[in-house]
């Protein structure tokens, strides 16, 4: 379910010294969750990125699970 995308992101974030990922979601959540390997993530709507001058986007997951 996660595989290479998660591993790539974690290695990249560790090499950049980052500890937080913003995950695009329909809703904004104040709390952070465990992304794995010492990284946290926070669900935020796409509009949050309008306020960031130069967002750094590493990769994108597409959820294709239905049902």
N, C-alpha and C. Protein backbone atom coordinates (compact mmCIF):
# COMPACT_ATOMS: atom_id res chain seq x y z
N UNK A 1 0.82 -1.20 0.00
CA UNK A 1 0.00 0.00 0.00
C UNK A 1 0.86 1.26 0.00
N UNK A 2 2.01 1.23 0.65
CA UNK A 2 2.84 2.43 0.71
C UNK A 2 4.06 2.29 -0.18
N UNK A 3 4.90 1.31 0.06
CA UNK A 3 6.02 0.98 -0.80
C UNK A 3 7.03 2.08 -1.02
N UNK A 4 7.47 2.20 -2.28
CA UNK A 4 8.56 3.09 -2.64
C UNK A 4 8.28 4.57 -2.42
N UNK A 5 7.04 5.00 -2.59
CA UNK A 5 6.72 6.42 -2.42
C UNK A 5 6.97 6.88 -0.99
N UNK A 6 6.56 6.11 -0.03
CA UNK A 6 6.78 6.44 1.37
C UNK A 6 8.27 6.44 1.70
N UNK A 7 8.97 5.41 1.26
CA UNK A 7 10.40 5.30 1.55
C UNK A 7 11.17 6.45 0.91
N UNK A 8 10.86 6.77 -0.34
CA UNK A 8 11.50 7.90 -1.02
C UNK A 8 11.29 9.19 -0.25
N UNK A 9 10.04 9.45 0.13
CA UNK A 9 9.71 10.69 0.84
C UNK A 9 10.44 10.78 2.17
N UNK A 10 10.46 9.69 2.92
CA UNK A 10 11.13 9.68 4.22
C UNK A 10 12.63 9.94 4.07
N UNK A 11 13.28 9.27 3.14
CA UNK A 11 14.71 9.49 2.94
C UNK A 11 14.99 10.93 2.50
N UNK A 12 14.17 11.47 1.62
CA UNK A 12 14.34 12.84 1.17
C UNK A 12 14.16 13.82 2.33
N UNK A 13 13.11 13.64 3.12
CA UNK A 13 12.86 14.55 4.24
C UNK A 13 13.96 14.47 5.28
N UNK A 14 14.46 13.28 5.57
CA UNK A 14 15.57 13.16 6.52
C UNK A 14 16.82 13.86 6.00
N UNK A 15 17.10 13.73 4.71
CA UNK A 15 18.29 14.38 4.15
C UNK A 15 18.15 15.90 4.15
N UNK A 16 16.92 16.41 4.10
CA UNK A 16 16.67 17.85 4.14
C UNK A 16 16.47 18.37 5.57
N UNK A 17 16.44 17.47 6.54
CA UNK A 17 16.25 17.87 7.94
C UNK A 17 14.83 18.29 8.26
N UNK A 18 13.86 17.77 7.51
CA UNK A 18 12.45 18.11 7.72
C UNK A 18 11.77 17.02 8.55
N UNK A 19 10.79 17.43 9.35
CA UNK A 19 10.09 16.49 10.22
C UNK A 19 8.58 16.48 10.03
N UNK A 20 8.06 17.29 9.05
CA UNK A 20 6.61 17.42 8.88
C UNK A 20 6.25 17.40 7.40
N UNK A 21 5.17 16.68 7.07
CA UNK A 21 4.63 16.60 5.72
C UNK A 21 3.20 17.13 5.77
N UNK A 22 2.83 17.92 4.77
CA UNK A 22 1.43 18.30 4.61
C UNK A 22 0.80 17.38 3.58
N UNK A 23 -0.27 16.72 3.98
CA UNK A 23 -0.98 15.82 3.08
C UNK A 23 -2.24 16.54 2.61
N UNK A 24 -2.43 16.62 1.30
CA UNK A 24 -3.60 17.31 0.76
C UNK A 24 -4.84 16.47 1.04
N UNK A 25 -5.84 17.14 1.62
CA UNK A 25 -7.07 16.49 2.04
C UNK A 25 -8.22 17.46 1.83
N UNK A 26 -9.43 17.00 2.00
CA UNK A 26 -10.59 17.89 1.90
C UNK A 26 -10.71 18.78 3.13
N UNK A 27 -10.22 18.30 4.26
CA UNK A 27 -10.39 19.01 5.53
C UNK A 27 -9.05 19.43 6.12
N UNK A 28 -9.08 20.48 6.93
CA UNK A 28 -7.91 20.92 7.67
C UNK A 28 -7.96 20.28 9.05
N UNK A 29 -6.87 19.67 9.45
CA UNK A 29 -6.78 19.09 10.80
C UNK A 29 -5.62 19.75 11.53
N UNK A 30 -5.87 20.19 12.75
CA UNK A 30 -4.81 20.83 13.54
C UNK A 30 -3.78 19.84 14.05
N UNK A 31 -4.21 18.62 14.33
CA UNK A 31 -3.30 17.63 14.91
C UNK A 31 -2.43 16.99 13.82
N UNK A 32 -1.27 16.54 14.25
CA UNK A 32 -0.39 15.80 13.34
C UNK A 32 -0.52 14.32 13.62
N UNK A 33 -0.14 13.53 12.63
CA UNK A 33 -0.20 12.08 12.75
C UNK A 33 1.16 11.50 12.39
N UNK A 34 1.36 10.25 12.74
CA UNK A 34 2.62 9.58 12.48
C UNK A 34 2.70 9.14 11.02
N UNK A 35 3.66 9.67 10.27
CA UNK A 35 3.91 9.29 8.88
C UNK A 35 4.82 8.08 8.82
N UNK A 36 5.61 7.92 9.88
CA UNK A 36 6.56 6.81 9.96
C UNK A 36 7.99 7.30 9.95
N UNK A 37 8.88 6.54 10.55
CA UNK A 37 10.31 6.82 10.56
C UNK A 37 10.65 8.20 11.14
N UNK A 38 9.91 8.62 12.15
CA UNK A 38 10.19 9.89 12.81
C UNK A 38 9.65 11.12 12.11
N UNK A 39 8.78 10.95 11.14
CA UNK A 39 8.18 12.05 10.40
C UNK A 39 6.70 12.13 10.77
N UNK A 40 6.18 13.35 10.90
CA UNK A 40 4.77 13.57 11.17
C UNK A 40 4.10 14.14 9.92
N UNK A 41 2.78 13.97 9.81
CA UNK A 41 2.05 14.60 8.71
C UNK A 41 0.79 15.26 9.24
N UNK A 42 0.31 16.24 8.48
CA UNK A 42 -0.90 16.97 8.85
C UNK A 42 -1.77 17.07 7.61
N UNK A 43 -3.05 16.76 7.75
CA UNK A 43 -4.00 16.88 6.65
C UNK A 43 -4.41 18.34 6.49
N UNK A 44 -4.28 18.86 5.27
CA UNK A 44 -4.64 20.25 4.97
C UNK A 44 -5.30 20.31 3.60
N UNK A 45 -6.20 21.29 3.37
CA UNK A 45 -6.79 21.43 2.04
C UNK A 45 -5.79 22.07 1.07
N UNK A 46 -6.02 21.90 -0.20
CA UNK A 46 -5.13 22.43 -1.22
C UNK A 46 -4.96 23.94 -1.12
N UNK A 47 -5.97 24.64 -0.63
CA UNK A 47 -5.91 26.10 -0.52
C UNK A 47 -4.81 26.58 0.43
N UNK A 48 -4.35 25.74 1.34
CA UNK A 48 -3.26 26.11 2.25
C UNK A 48 -2.00 26.46 1.46
N UNK A 49 -1.80 25.77 0.34
CA UNK A 49 -0.59 25.99 -0.45
C UNK A 49 -0.60 27.34 -1.17
N UNK A 50 -1.76 27.99 -1.27
CA UNK A 50 -1.83 29.33 -1.84
C UNK A 50 -1.06 30.34 -1.00
N UNK A 51 -0.98 30.09 0.31
CA UNK A 51 -0.31 31.00 1.23
C UNK A 51 1.19 30.75 1.32
N UNK A 52 1.68 29.67 0.73
CA UNK A 52 3.11 29.35 0.77
C UNK A 52 3.77 29.87 -0.50
N UNK A 53 4.78 30.70 -0.33
CA UNK A 53 5.41 31.36 -1.48
C UNK A 53 6.06 30.37 -2.45
N UNK A 54 6.88 29.49 -1.95
CA UNK A 54 7.56 28.51 -2.79
C UNK A 54 7.42 27.12 -2.18
N UNK A 55 6.26 26.47 -2.38
CA UNK A 55 6.09 25.15 -1.77
C UNK A 55 7.05 24.14 -2.39
N UNK A 56 7.53 23.23 -1.58
CA UNK A 56 8.41 22.15 -2.04
C UNK A 56 7.59 20.88 -2.05
N UNK A 57 7.26 20.40 -3.24
CA UNK A 57 6.42 19.22 -3.38
C UNK A 57 7.31 18.06 -3.83
N UNK A 58 7.32 16.98 -3.03
CA UNK A 58 8.22 15.88 -3.35
C UNK A 58 7.58 14.82 -4.23
N UNK A 59 6.39 14.40 -3.90
CA UNK A 59 5.72 13.38 -4.69
C UNK A 59 4.24 13.40 -4.36
N UNK A 60 3.51 12.56 -5.04
CA UNK A 60 2.06 12.61 -4.91
C UNK A 60 1.52 11.18 -4.87
N UNK A 61 0.62 10.93 -3.94
CA UNK A 61 -0.05 9.63 -3.85
C UNK A 61 -1.46 9.79 -4.40
N UNK A 62 -1.91 8.82 -5.14
CA UNK A 62 -3.28 8.84 -5.63
C UNK A 62 -3.97 7.61 -5.07
N UNK A 63 -5.03 7.85 -4.31
CA UNK A 63 -5.78 6.76 -3.69
C UNK A 63 -6.77 6.23 -4.72
N UNK A 64 -6.56 5.00 -5.17
CA UNK A 64 -7.44 4.42 -6.18
C UNK A 64 -8.36 3.36 -5.58
N UNK A 65 -8.35 3.24 -4.26
CA UNK A 65 -9.22 2.25 -3.62
C UNK A 65 -10.66 2.73 -3.66
N UNK A 66 -11.55 1.90 -4.09
CA UNK A 66 -12.96 2.23 -4.14
C UNK A 66 -13.75 1.23 -3.32
N UNK A 67 -14.88 1.72 -2.77
CA UNK A 67 -15.74 0.79 -2.05
C UNK A 67 -15.68 1.00 -0.65
